[in-house]
Amino acid sequence: MPRVRAARAIAAVITGDSTLDEALERHTARLAGRDRALAREIAFGVCRRYFELDALLAQLLQRPLKARDADLRAVLLAGLYQLRHLRVPDHAAVSESVAACAALGKGWARGLVNAVLRAHQARRAELEARLDEAERLAHPRWLIDALRADWPADWEAIVAANNAAPPLTLRVNTARTSRAQWLATADAAGIEAHPCALAEDGVTLAEASEVVRIPGFADGLVSVQDEGAQLAATLLGCGGDQRVLDACAAPGGKACHLLERHPALRLGALDASAARLERVRQNLARLALEATLLHGDAADPATWWNGEPFAHILVDAPCSGTGVIRRHPDIRILRDAEQVAAAAALQRRILRGLWPCLAPGGQLLYATCSVLACENEGTIADFLSATPDAHEIDPGVAWGRARAHGRQLLPTPDRHDGFYYALLVKDGVRELA
């Protein structure tokens, strides 16, 4: 029953037990076709509209549900989502939600679910009128305040992009085919796609598709990667057989892109998580690429570095993920302002730790999928002020927004997610090895 599987995944997220991706993998892996698609649509939709739906539910319940009834709360949220945002007949959304109670072993709640969902339909306008700004926009208040402070002219557009479904963007493996050739293959297969405007190897599909149906995916001709993420490989400016480090590399999309463009690179892929490093290994294997996998803390090179400097370092820093909320809507549920501050502190430690690993004259590209200044230009400003031999260089691109330091892409409907990049150089004679 897809609605039951969706409810279990939603419950895992709202209780903080797992991310949405992890929960869906656990609860929907055995579903197929339309059932799997429906379960994923409901789970993603509830997370995307969570703050709106939860505020409505609070008005409709006479008393809060107990903590042990998180799955029942998820059923109610899923029912409200279907009534408000899916093209599901009202009677079907209500009846299927009621039926889910028995499947969850909570048959006693059937009357409650029926009453709550029908009350929503009868009182919809009244309930909506009581929502505050953040609830109407389906974002936590702390994030609305942060976006408004950092992007006073753009925050509403960012919120709108966050609440939209993202496009499916692919990276063409130019070591084995060209973008034009792949687009011709896709067209012959009846798949509408177009070149990305910023990413030289990127294509965006007109309609989302399961990867198994995408021409050439199984053969490593294309990979799923957002247009904004693909810009790292061109900004880093490496080539030949240079020694390069991709720090915080999992799941490996940027590392694989670098190797597709420059197969002779001596690339090290570093990550603190052994489980996530395994995903890097799997992606490298699928594309028949080779890299040295390094398990360790980027902020503490003594645990993994052999002392040989790198000509280029990509710091794909852990961050709030506020630039990719539309792809990971659970971020708005699982993150808070304190976690953002902690992420910014970690970013600063990582930069300090990795800088000695960079050769004189070498370049470090700092990247996040955040749109928050404290994680982006704020982090770079602090690092530059504390590091005399570090200087920022102009990457020579026109895309995005120029900031005090670096360039920012904001999430854009039908195009790229939100990404930040800053390119730094280390004083000294450039060493090409």
Protein backbone atom coordinates (compact mmCIF):
# COMPACT_ATOMS: atom_id res chain seq x y z
CA MET A 1 0.00 0.00 0.00
CA PRO A 2 1.93 3.08 -1.19
CA ARG A 3 0.27 5.48 1.26
CA VAL A 4 1.31 3.34 4.21
CA ARG A 5 4.90 3.16 2.95
CA ALA A 6 4.90 6.92 2.44
CA ALA A 7 3.55 7.49 5.95
CA ARG A 8 6.31 5.37 7.47
CA ALA A 9 8.95 7.30 5.55
CA ILE A 10 7.41 10.63 6.60
CA ALA A 11 7.28 9.51 10.24
CA ALA A 12 11.00 8.67 10.14
CA VAL A 13 11.77 12.20 8.96
CA ILE A 14 9.52 14.17 11.31
CA THR A 15 10.86 12.26 14.32
CA GLY A 16 14.43 12.96 13.19
CA ASP A 17 15.27 9.27 12.80
CA SER A 18 16.54 9.56 9.21
CA THR A 19 16.72 11.66 6.10
CA LEU A 20 14.00 11.38 3.48
CA ASP A 21 16.27 9.57 1.02
CA GLU A 22 17.22 6.99 3.64
CA ALA A 23 13.62 6.52 4.75
CA LEU A 24 12.33 6.08 1.20
CA GLU A 25 15.05 3.57 0.41
CA ARG A 26 14.03 1.58 3.48
CA HIS A 27 10.26 1.75 3.05
CA THR A 28 9.63 1.92 -0.70
CA ALA A 29 12.42 -0.21 -2.19
CA ARG A 30 10.05 -3.10 -2.86
CA LEU A 31 7.42 -0.97 -4.54
CA ALA A 32 7.45 -0.59 -8.31
CA GLY A 33 5.86 1.49 -11.03
CA ARG A 34 2.95 3.70 -10.08
CA ASP A 35 2.90 2.58 -6.45
CA ARG A 36 6.50 3.63 -5.92
CA ALA A 37 5.95 6.90 -7.76
CA LEU A 38 2.88 7.70 -5.63
CA ALA A 39 4.65 6.89 -2.36
CA ARG A 40 7.59 9.10 -3.31
CA GLU A 41 5.33 11.94 -4.48
CA ILE A 42 3.42 11.91 -1.19
CA ALA A 43 6.55 11.69 0.97
CA PHE A 44 8.39 14.42 -0.93
CA GLY A 45 5.25 16.57 -1.04
CA VAL A 46 4.59 16.35 2.69
CA CYS A 47 8.20 17.30 3.46
CA ARG A 48 8.01 20.15 0.94
CA ARG A 49 4.78 21.55 2.44
CA TYR A 50 5.39 20.35 6.01
CA PHE A 51 5.14 23.65 7.87
CA GLU A 52 1.90 24.53 6.10
CA LEU A 53 0.36 21.08 6.63
CA ASP A 54 1.48 20.75 10.24
CA ALA A 55 0.02 24.15 11.14
CA LEU A 56 -3.31 23.17 9.58
CA LEU A 57 -3.28 19.84 11.39
CA ALA A 58 -2.65 21.57 14.72
CA GLN A 59 -5.84 23.58 14.18
CA LEU A 60 -7.85 20.49 13.30
CA LEU A 61 -6.81 18.30 16.24
CA GLN A 62 -8.55 18.83 19.56
CA ARG A 63 -5.40 17.65 21.34
CA PRO A 64 -1.88 16.86 20.08
CA LEU A 65 -1.11 13.27 19.12
CA LYS A 66 1.23 11.31 21.36
CA ALA A 67 4.86 10.88 20.33
CA ARG A 68 4.33 7.16 19.72
CA ASP A 69 1.72 8.04 17.08
CA ALA A 70 4.14 9.70 14.65
CA ASP A 71 3.00 7.28 11.93
CA LEU A 72 -0.62 8.36 12.46
CA ARG A 73 0.42 12.01 12.31
CA ALA A 74 2.17 11.19 9.04
CA VAL A 75 -1.04 9.63 7.66
CA LEU A 76 -2.93 12.82 8.47
CA LEU A 77 -0.25 15.02 6.91
CA ALA A 78 -0.26 12.82 3.81
CA GLY A 79 -4.05 13.03 3.62
CA LEU A 80 -3.95 16.83 3.83
CA TYR A 81 -1.26 16.96 1.16
CA GLN A 82 -3.37 14.87 -1.20
CA LEU A 83 -6.43 17.04 -0.60
CA ARG A 84 -4.53 20.27 -1.13
CA HIS A 85 -1.83 19.55 -3.70
CA LEU A 86 -2.50 16.33 -5.63
CA ARG A 87 -5.03 15.57 -8.32
CA VAL A 88 -6.59 12.89 -6.17
CA PRO A 89 -10.39 12.86 -5.74
CA ASP A 90 -11.30 14.03 -2.26
CA HIS A 91 -13.18 10.85 -1.43
CA ALA A 92 -10.17 8.73 -2.44
CA ALA A 93 -7.73 10.79 -0.37
CA VAL A 94 -9.99 10.43 2.69
CA SER A 95 -10.90 6.76 2.28
CA GLU A 96 -7.32 5.65 1.54
CA SER A 97 -6.04 7.58 4.55
CA VAL A 98 -8.66 5.92 6.75
CA ALA A 99 -7.70 2.51 5.37
CA ALA A 100 -4.03 3.18 6.16
CA CYS A 101 -4.85 3.23 9.87
CA ALA A 102 -5.65 -0.48 9.91
CA ALA A 103 -2.49 -1.29 7.94
CA LEU A 104 -0.48 0.55 10.60
CA GLY A 105 -2.19 -1.39 13.38
CA LYS A 106 -4.17 1.67 14.50
CA GLY A 107 -7.69 0.87 13.47
CA TRP A 108 -8.94 2.85 16.47
CA ALA A 109 -7.90 6.06 14.66
CA ARG A 110 -10.08 5.59 11.56
CA GLY A 111 -12.81 7.87 12.89
CA LEU A 112 -10.27 10.51 13.87
CA VAL A 113 -8.63 10.53 10.42
CA ASN A 114 -11.99 10.69 8.68
CA ALA A 115 -13.18 13.56 10.87
CA VAL A 116 -9.97 15.60 10.54
CA LEU A 117 -9.77 15.36 6.76
CA ARG A 118 -13.44 16.13 6.25
CA ALA A 119 -13.21 19.07 8.63
CA HIS A 120 -10.38 20.45 6.54
CA GLN A 121 -12.56 20.38 3.46
CA ALA A 122 -15.41 22.10 5.26
CA ARG A 123 -13.24 24.77 6.93
CA ARG A 124 -10.42 25.19 4.41
CA ALA A 125 -10.65 28.96 3.90
CA GLU A 126 -10.98 29.62 7.64
CA LEU A 127 -7.98 27.43 8.47
CA GLU A 128 -5.80 28.99 5.77
CA ALA A 129 -6.59 32.50 7.01
CA ARG A 130 -4.95 31.64 10.35
CA LEU A 131 -1.61 30.61 8.87
CA ASP A 132 1.29 32.99 9.46
CA GLU A 133 3.77 34.01 6.75
CA ALA A 134 6.28 31.19 7.32
CA GLU A 135 3.52 28.57 7.43
CA ARG A 136 1.96 29.84 4.20
CA LEU A 137 5.38 29.70 2.57
CA ALA A 138 6.03 26.21 4.02
CA HIS A 139 9.40 27.19 5.52
CA PRO A 140 10.64 27.34 9.11
CA ARG A 141 10.67 30.85 10.51
CA TRP A 142 14.43 30.87 11.11
CA LEU A 143 15.08 30.16 7.43
CA ILE A 144 12.64 32.81 6.18
CA ASP A 145 14.40 35.34 8.42
CA ALA A 146 17.85 34.27 7.21
CA LEU A 147 16.88 34.41 3.53
CA ARG A 148 15.27 37.82 3.95
CA ALA A 149 18.40 39.15 5.69
CA ASP A 150 20.87 37.76 3.11
CA TRP A 151 18.75 38.27 -0.01
CA PRO A 152 16.29 41.14 0.60
CA ALA A 153 15.44 41.44 -3.12
CA ASP A 154 15.47 37.73 -3.90
CA TRP A 155 14.23 35.80 -0.87
CA GLU A 156 10.69 35.35 -2.18
CA ALA A 157 12.00 33.92 -5.46
CA ILE A 158 14.27 31.56 -3.50
CA VAL A 159 11.30 30.36 -1.45
CA ALA A 160 9.22 29.84 -4.59
CA ALA A 161 12.03 27.80 -6.17
CA ASN A 162 12.39 25.74 -2.98
CA ASN A 163 8.69 24.84 -3.15
CA ALA A 164 8.84 23.71 -6.78
CA ALA A 165 9.76 20.27 -8.07
CA PRO A 166 13.32 20.30 -9.49
CA PRO A 167 14.24 19.38 -13.06
CA LEU A 168 16.19 16.21 -13.82
CA THR A 169 19.64 17.26 -15.01
CA LEU A 170 22.30 14.91 -16.33
CA ARG A 171 26.05 15.15 -16.88
CA VAL A 172 27.24 13.69 -20.18
CA ASN A 173 30.44 11.65 -19.90
CA THR A 174 32.48 13.46 -22.56
CA ALA A 175 35.28 10.89 -22.26
CA ARG A 176 32.96 8.48 -24.07
CA THR A 177 30.49 10.59 -26.06
CA SER A 178 29.59 14.20 -26.74
CA ARG A 179 26.65 16.19 -25.51
CA ALA A 180 25.36 16.57 -29.06
CA GLN A 181 25.61 12.83 -29.69
CA TRP A 182 23.77 11.98 -26.49
CA LEU A 183 21.03 14.51 -27.23
CA ALA A 184 20.55 12.90 -30.64
CA THR A 185 20.30 9.47 -28.99
CA ALA A 186 17.76 10.79 -26.50
CA ASP A 187 15.71 12.38 -29.27
CA ALA A 188 15.66 9.09 -31.18
CA ALA A 189 14.38 7.39 -28.01
CA GLY A 190 11.56 9.92 -27.71
CA ILE A 191 13.10 11.73 -24.73
CA GLU A 192 12.98 15.53 -24.87
CA ALA A 193 16.10 17.17 -23.47
CA HIS A 194 18.05 20.38 -23.97
CA PRO A 195 21.60 21.59 -23.22
CA CYS A 196 22.24 23.40 -19.95
CA ALA A 197 23.09 27.07 -20.34
CA LEU A 198 26.02 27.14 -17.88
CA ALA A 199 27.39 23.59 -17.62
CA GLU A 200 29.27 22.52 -20.75
CA ASP A 201 28.47 18.84 -20.21
CA GLY A 202 24.96 19.23 -18.80
CA VAL A 203 21.54 18.39 -20.24
CA THR A 204 18.12 18.82 -18.66
CA LEU A 205 15.19 16.51 -19.37
CA ALA A 206 11.81 18.04 -20.11
CA GLU A 207 10.19 15.38 -17.90
CA ALA A 208 11.68 13.38 -15.05
CA SER A 209 12.39 9.72 -15.70
CA GLU A 210 13.68 6.72 -13.80
CA VAL A 211 17.39 6.43 -14.47
CA VAL A 212 17.02 2.89 -15.82
CA ARG A 213 15.03 4.36 -18.72
CA ILE A 214 17.60 6.99 -19.61
CA PRO A 215 19.66 6.07 -22.70
CA GLY A 216 23.26 5.30 -21.81
CA PHE A 217 22.90 5.55 -18.04
CA ALA A 218 23.63 1.88 -17.41
CA ASP A 219 26.66 2.15 -19.73
CA GLY A 220 28.08 5.18 -17.95
CA LEU A 221 27.37 7.68 -20.71
CA VAL A 222 25.42 9.98 -18.38
CA SER A 223 25.07 10.58 -14.65
CA VAL A 224 22.55 12.53 -12.60
CA GLN A 225 24.05 15.84 -11.44
CA ASP A 226 22.64 19.33 -11.11
CA GLU A 227 23.90 22.01 -13.49
CA GLY A 228 25.29 24.10 -10.64
CA ALA A 229 27.30 21.18 -9.26
CA GLN A 230 28.82 20.54 -12.68
CA LEU A 231 30.52 23.95 -12.67
CA ALA A 232 33.12 22.79 -10.13
CA ALA A 233 35.04 20.75 -12.71
CA THR A 234 35.57 23.73 -14.98
CA LEU A 235 36.32 26.22 -12.20
CA LEU A 236 39.04 24.06 -10.63
CA GLY A 237 41.18 24.40 -13.76
CA CYS A 238 43.25 21.23 -13.32
CA GLY A 239 44.59 18.96 -16.04
CA GLY A 240 47.23 16.49 -17.12
CA ASP A 241 48.44 14.16 -14.40
CA GLN A 242 48.28 16.70 -11.60
CA ARG A 243 47.76 15.58 -8.04
CA VAL A 244 44.25 16.70 -7.02
CA LEU A 245 42.19 16.27 -3.86
CA ASP A 246 38.41 16.19 -3.72
CA ALA A 247 37.71 16.75 -0.04
CA CYS A 248 34.33 15.73 1.40
CA ALA A 249 33.90 13.85 -1.87
CA ALA A 250 30.82 11.66 -1.30
CA PRO A 251 28.81 10.69 -3.23
CA GLY A 252 31.46 11.35 -5.85
CA GLY A 253 29.73 13.31 -8.59
CA LYS A 254 32.35 16.07 -8.77
CA ALA A 255 35.27 13.60 -8.52
CA CYS A 256 33.84 11.54 -11.38
CA HIS A 257 33.31 14.66 -13.47
CA LEU A 258 36.93 15.73 -12.96
CA LEU A 259 38.15 12.31 -14.09
CA GLU A 260 35.82 12.22 -17.09
CA ARG A 261 37.34 15.49 -18.26
CA HIS A 262 40.92 14.70 -17.21
CA PRO A 263 41.45 10.90 -17.05
CA ALA A 264 45.16 11.17 -16.17
CA LEU A 265 44.59 13.08 -12.91
CA ARG A 266 46.01 11.53 -9.77
CA LEU A 267 42.88 12.18 -7.79
CA GLY A 268 42.30 11.48 -4.13
CA ALA A 269 38.68 11.30 -2.96
CA LEU A 270 38.43 12.01 0.75
CA ASP A 271 35.45 11.57 3.05
CA ALA A 272 34.97 11.19 6.79
CA SER A 273 32.24 8.56 6.38
CA ALA A 274 33.22 5.06 5.33
CA ALA A 275 29.64 4.34 4.24
CA ARG A 276 29.52 7.44 2.05
CA LEU A 277 32.97 6.65 0.68
CA GLU A 278 31.56 3.34 -0.51
CA ARG A 279 29.10 5.32 -2.65
CA VAL A 280 32.08 7.10 -4.22
CA ARG A 281 33.62 3.72 -5.01
CA GLN A 282 30.38 2.52 -6.60
CA ASN A 283 30.07 5.61 -8.78
CA LEU A 284 33.69 5.34 -9.90
CA ALA A 285 33.16 1.66 -10.76
CA ARG A 286 30.01 2.37 -12.78
CA LEU A 287 31.94 4.87 -14.87
CA ALA A 288 35.14 2.78 -15.06
CA LEU A 289 37.18 5.53 -13.40
CA GLU A 290 40.04 5.29 -10.93
CA ALA A 291 40.82 7.37 -7.86
CA THR A 292 42.50 6.86 -4.52
CA LEU A 293 39.87 6.65 -1.78
CA LEU A 294 40.89 8.31 1.47
CA HIS A 295 38.96 7.81 4.71
CA GLY A 296 39.55 10.60 7.18
CA ASP A 297 38.66 14.00 8.59
CA ALA A 298 39.40 16.84 6.17
CA ALA A 299 40.07 19.12 9.15
CA ASP A 300 42.77 16.74 10.46
CA PRO A 301 45.09 15.74 7.57
CA ALA A 302 47.50 14.01 9.94
CA THR A 303 45.10 11.04 9.91
CA TRP A 304 45.26 10.49 6.12
CA TRP A 305 47.77 12.76 4.32
CA ASN A 306 51.19 11.42 3.27
CA GLY A 307 52.76 14.88 3.09
CA GLU A 308 52.84 15.19 -0.72
CA PRO A 309 51.12 18.48 -1.64
CA PHE A 310 48.22 18.78 -4.04
CA ALA A 311 48.22 21.10 -7.06
CA HIS A 312 44.45 21.59 -6.70
CA ILE A 313 42.01 21.00 -3.86
CA LEU A 314 38.23 20.98 -4.15
CA VAL A 315 36.59 21.64 -0.80
CA ASP A 316 32.99 20.54 -1.30
CA ALA A 317 32.19 21.65 2.20
CA PRO A 318 29.51 20.16 4.47
CA CYS A 319 26.79 22.78 4.71
CA SER A 320 23.14 23.47 5.47
CA GLY A 321 22.04 22.38 1.98
CA THR A 322 19.77 25.43 1.73
CA GLY A 323 20.51 25.70 -1.98
CA VAL A 324 19.14 22.22 -2.72
CA ILE A 325 16.00 22.22 -0.58
CA ARG A 326 13.80 21.48 -3.57
CA ARG A 327 15.71 18.20 -4.10
CA HIS A 328 15.92 17.44 -0.37
CA PRO A 329 12.80 19.02 1.17
CA ASP A 330 13.45 17.30 4.49
CA ILE A 331 16.26 19.83 5.03
CA ARG A 332 13.65 22.38 6.13
CA ILE A 333 12.49 19.91 8.83
CA LEU A 334 15.85 18.54 9.96
CA ARG A 335 17.94 21.74 10.03
CA ASP A 336 17.86 24.66 12.43
CA ALA A 337 19.83 27.85 12.94
CA GLU A 338 22.19 26.23 15.45
CA GLN A 339 23.11 23.54 12.95
CA VAL A 340 23.89 26.18 10.33
CA ALA A 341 26.23 27.91 12.77
CA ALA A 342 27.88 24.57 13.53
CA ALA A 343 28.31 23.89 9.80
CA ALA A 344 29.97 27.29 9.32
CA ALA A 345 32.39 26.53 12.16
CA LEU A 346 33.22 23.15 10.61
CA GLN A 347 33.84 24.79 7.22
CA ARG A 348 36.39 27.09 8.79
CA ARG A 349 38.17 24.17 10.47
CA ILE A 350 38.28 22.24 7.19
CA LEU A 351 39.80 25.18 5.30
CA ARG A 352 42.43 25.66 8.00
CA GLY A 353 43.21 21.95 8.01
CA LEU A 354 43.51 21.55 4.24
CA TRP A 355 45.47 24.69 3.40
CA PRO A 356 48.87 23.17 4.35
CA CYS A 357 48.11 20.30 1.93
CA LEU A 358 48.03 22.71 -1.04
CA ALA A 359 51.24 23.26 -3.01
CA PRO A 360 52.63 26.81 -3.35
CA GLY A 361 50.92 28.39 -6.34
CA GLY A 362 48.15 25.82 -6.11
CA GLN A 363 44.44 26.56 -6.25
CA LEU A 364 41.68 25.67 -3.81
CA LEU A 365 38.05 25.81 -4.90
CA TYR A 366 35.60 26.23 -2.03
CA ALA A 367 32.06 25.08 -2.83
CA THR A 368 28.79 24.73 -0.96
CA CYS A 369 25.19 24.01 -1.88
CA SER A 370 24.09 26.77 0.49
CA VAL A 371 22.60 30.21 -0.14
CA LEU A 372 23.42 31.54 3.34
CA ALA A 373 26.13 34.19 3.63
CA CYS A 374 27.54 32.85 6.91
CA GLU A 375 28.53 29.61 5.16
CA ASN A 376 29.76 31.25 1.98
CA GLU A 377 31.33 34.68 1.72
CA GLY A 378 31.41 34.88 5.52
CA THR A 379 33.51 31.72 5.75
CA ILE A 380 35.87 32.87 2.99
CA ALA A 381 36.26 36.35 4.49
CA ASP A 382 37.24 34.87 7.87
CA PHE A 383 39.69 32.45 6.25
CA LEU A 384 41.38 35.10 4.12
CA SER A 385 41.76 37.47 7.05
CA ALA A 386 43.48 34.73 9.07
CA THR A 387 45.64 33.27 6.26
CA PRO A 388 48.32 35.64 4.92
CA ASP A 389 49.40 33.40 2.02
CA ALA A 390 45.82 32.91 0.72
CA HIS A 391 44.33 35.18 -1.91
CA GLU A 392 41.13 35.12 -3.89
CA ILE A 393 41.28 35.05 -7.69
CA ASP A 394 38.60 35.92 -10.21
CA PRO A 395 37.30 32.75 -11.89
CA GLY A 396 36.46 34.78 -14.99
CA VAL A 397 32.80 33.79 -15.27
CA ALA A 398 29.68 35.89 -15.72
CA TRP A 399 27.10 33.59 -14.17
CA GLY A 400 25.60 33.99 -10.73
CA ARG A 401 25.87 36.91 -8.35
CA ALA A 402 29.21 38.47 -7.45
CA ARG A 403 29.52 38.64 -3.67
CA ALA A 404 32.13 40.29 -1.44
CA HIS A 405 33.97 37.02 -1.96
CA GLY A 406 33.06 34.35 -4.53
CA ARG A 407 30.00 33.93 -6.71
CA GLN A 408 26.53 32.71 -5.77
CA LEU A 409 23.99 30.83 -7.85
CA LEU A 410 20.45 31.05 -6.51
CA PRO A 411 18.00 28.19 -7.18
CA THR A 412 16.12 28.82 -10.40
CA PRO A 413 12.97 27.05 -11.63
CA ASP A 414 13.72 24.61 -14.44
CA ARG A 415 17.45 25.25 -14.14
CA HIS A 416 20.20 24.99 -11.52
CA ASP A 417 20.07 24.63 -7.75
CA GLY A 418 21.73 27.09 -5.36
CA PHE A 419 25.54 26.84 -5.23
CA TYR A 420 28.41 28.99 -4.02
CA TYR A 421 31.99 28.99 -5.32
CA ALA A 422 35.15 30.85 -4.31
CA LEU A 423 38.56 30.26 -5.91
CA LEU A 424 41.69 30.79 -3.80
CA VAL A 425 45.41 30.65 -4.67
CA LYS A 426 48.36 30.01 -2.39
CA ASP A 427 51.39 32.31 -2.52
CA GLY A 428 54.48 30.88 -4.13
CA VAL A 429 55.74 29.48 -7.42
CA ARG A 430 53.10 27.29 -8.98
CA GLU A 431 53.93 23.58 -8.87
CA LEU A 432 52.22 21.68 -11.67
CA ALA A 433 52.74 18.22 -10.22
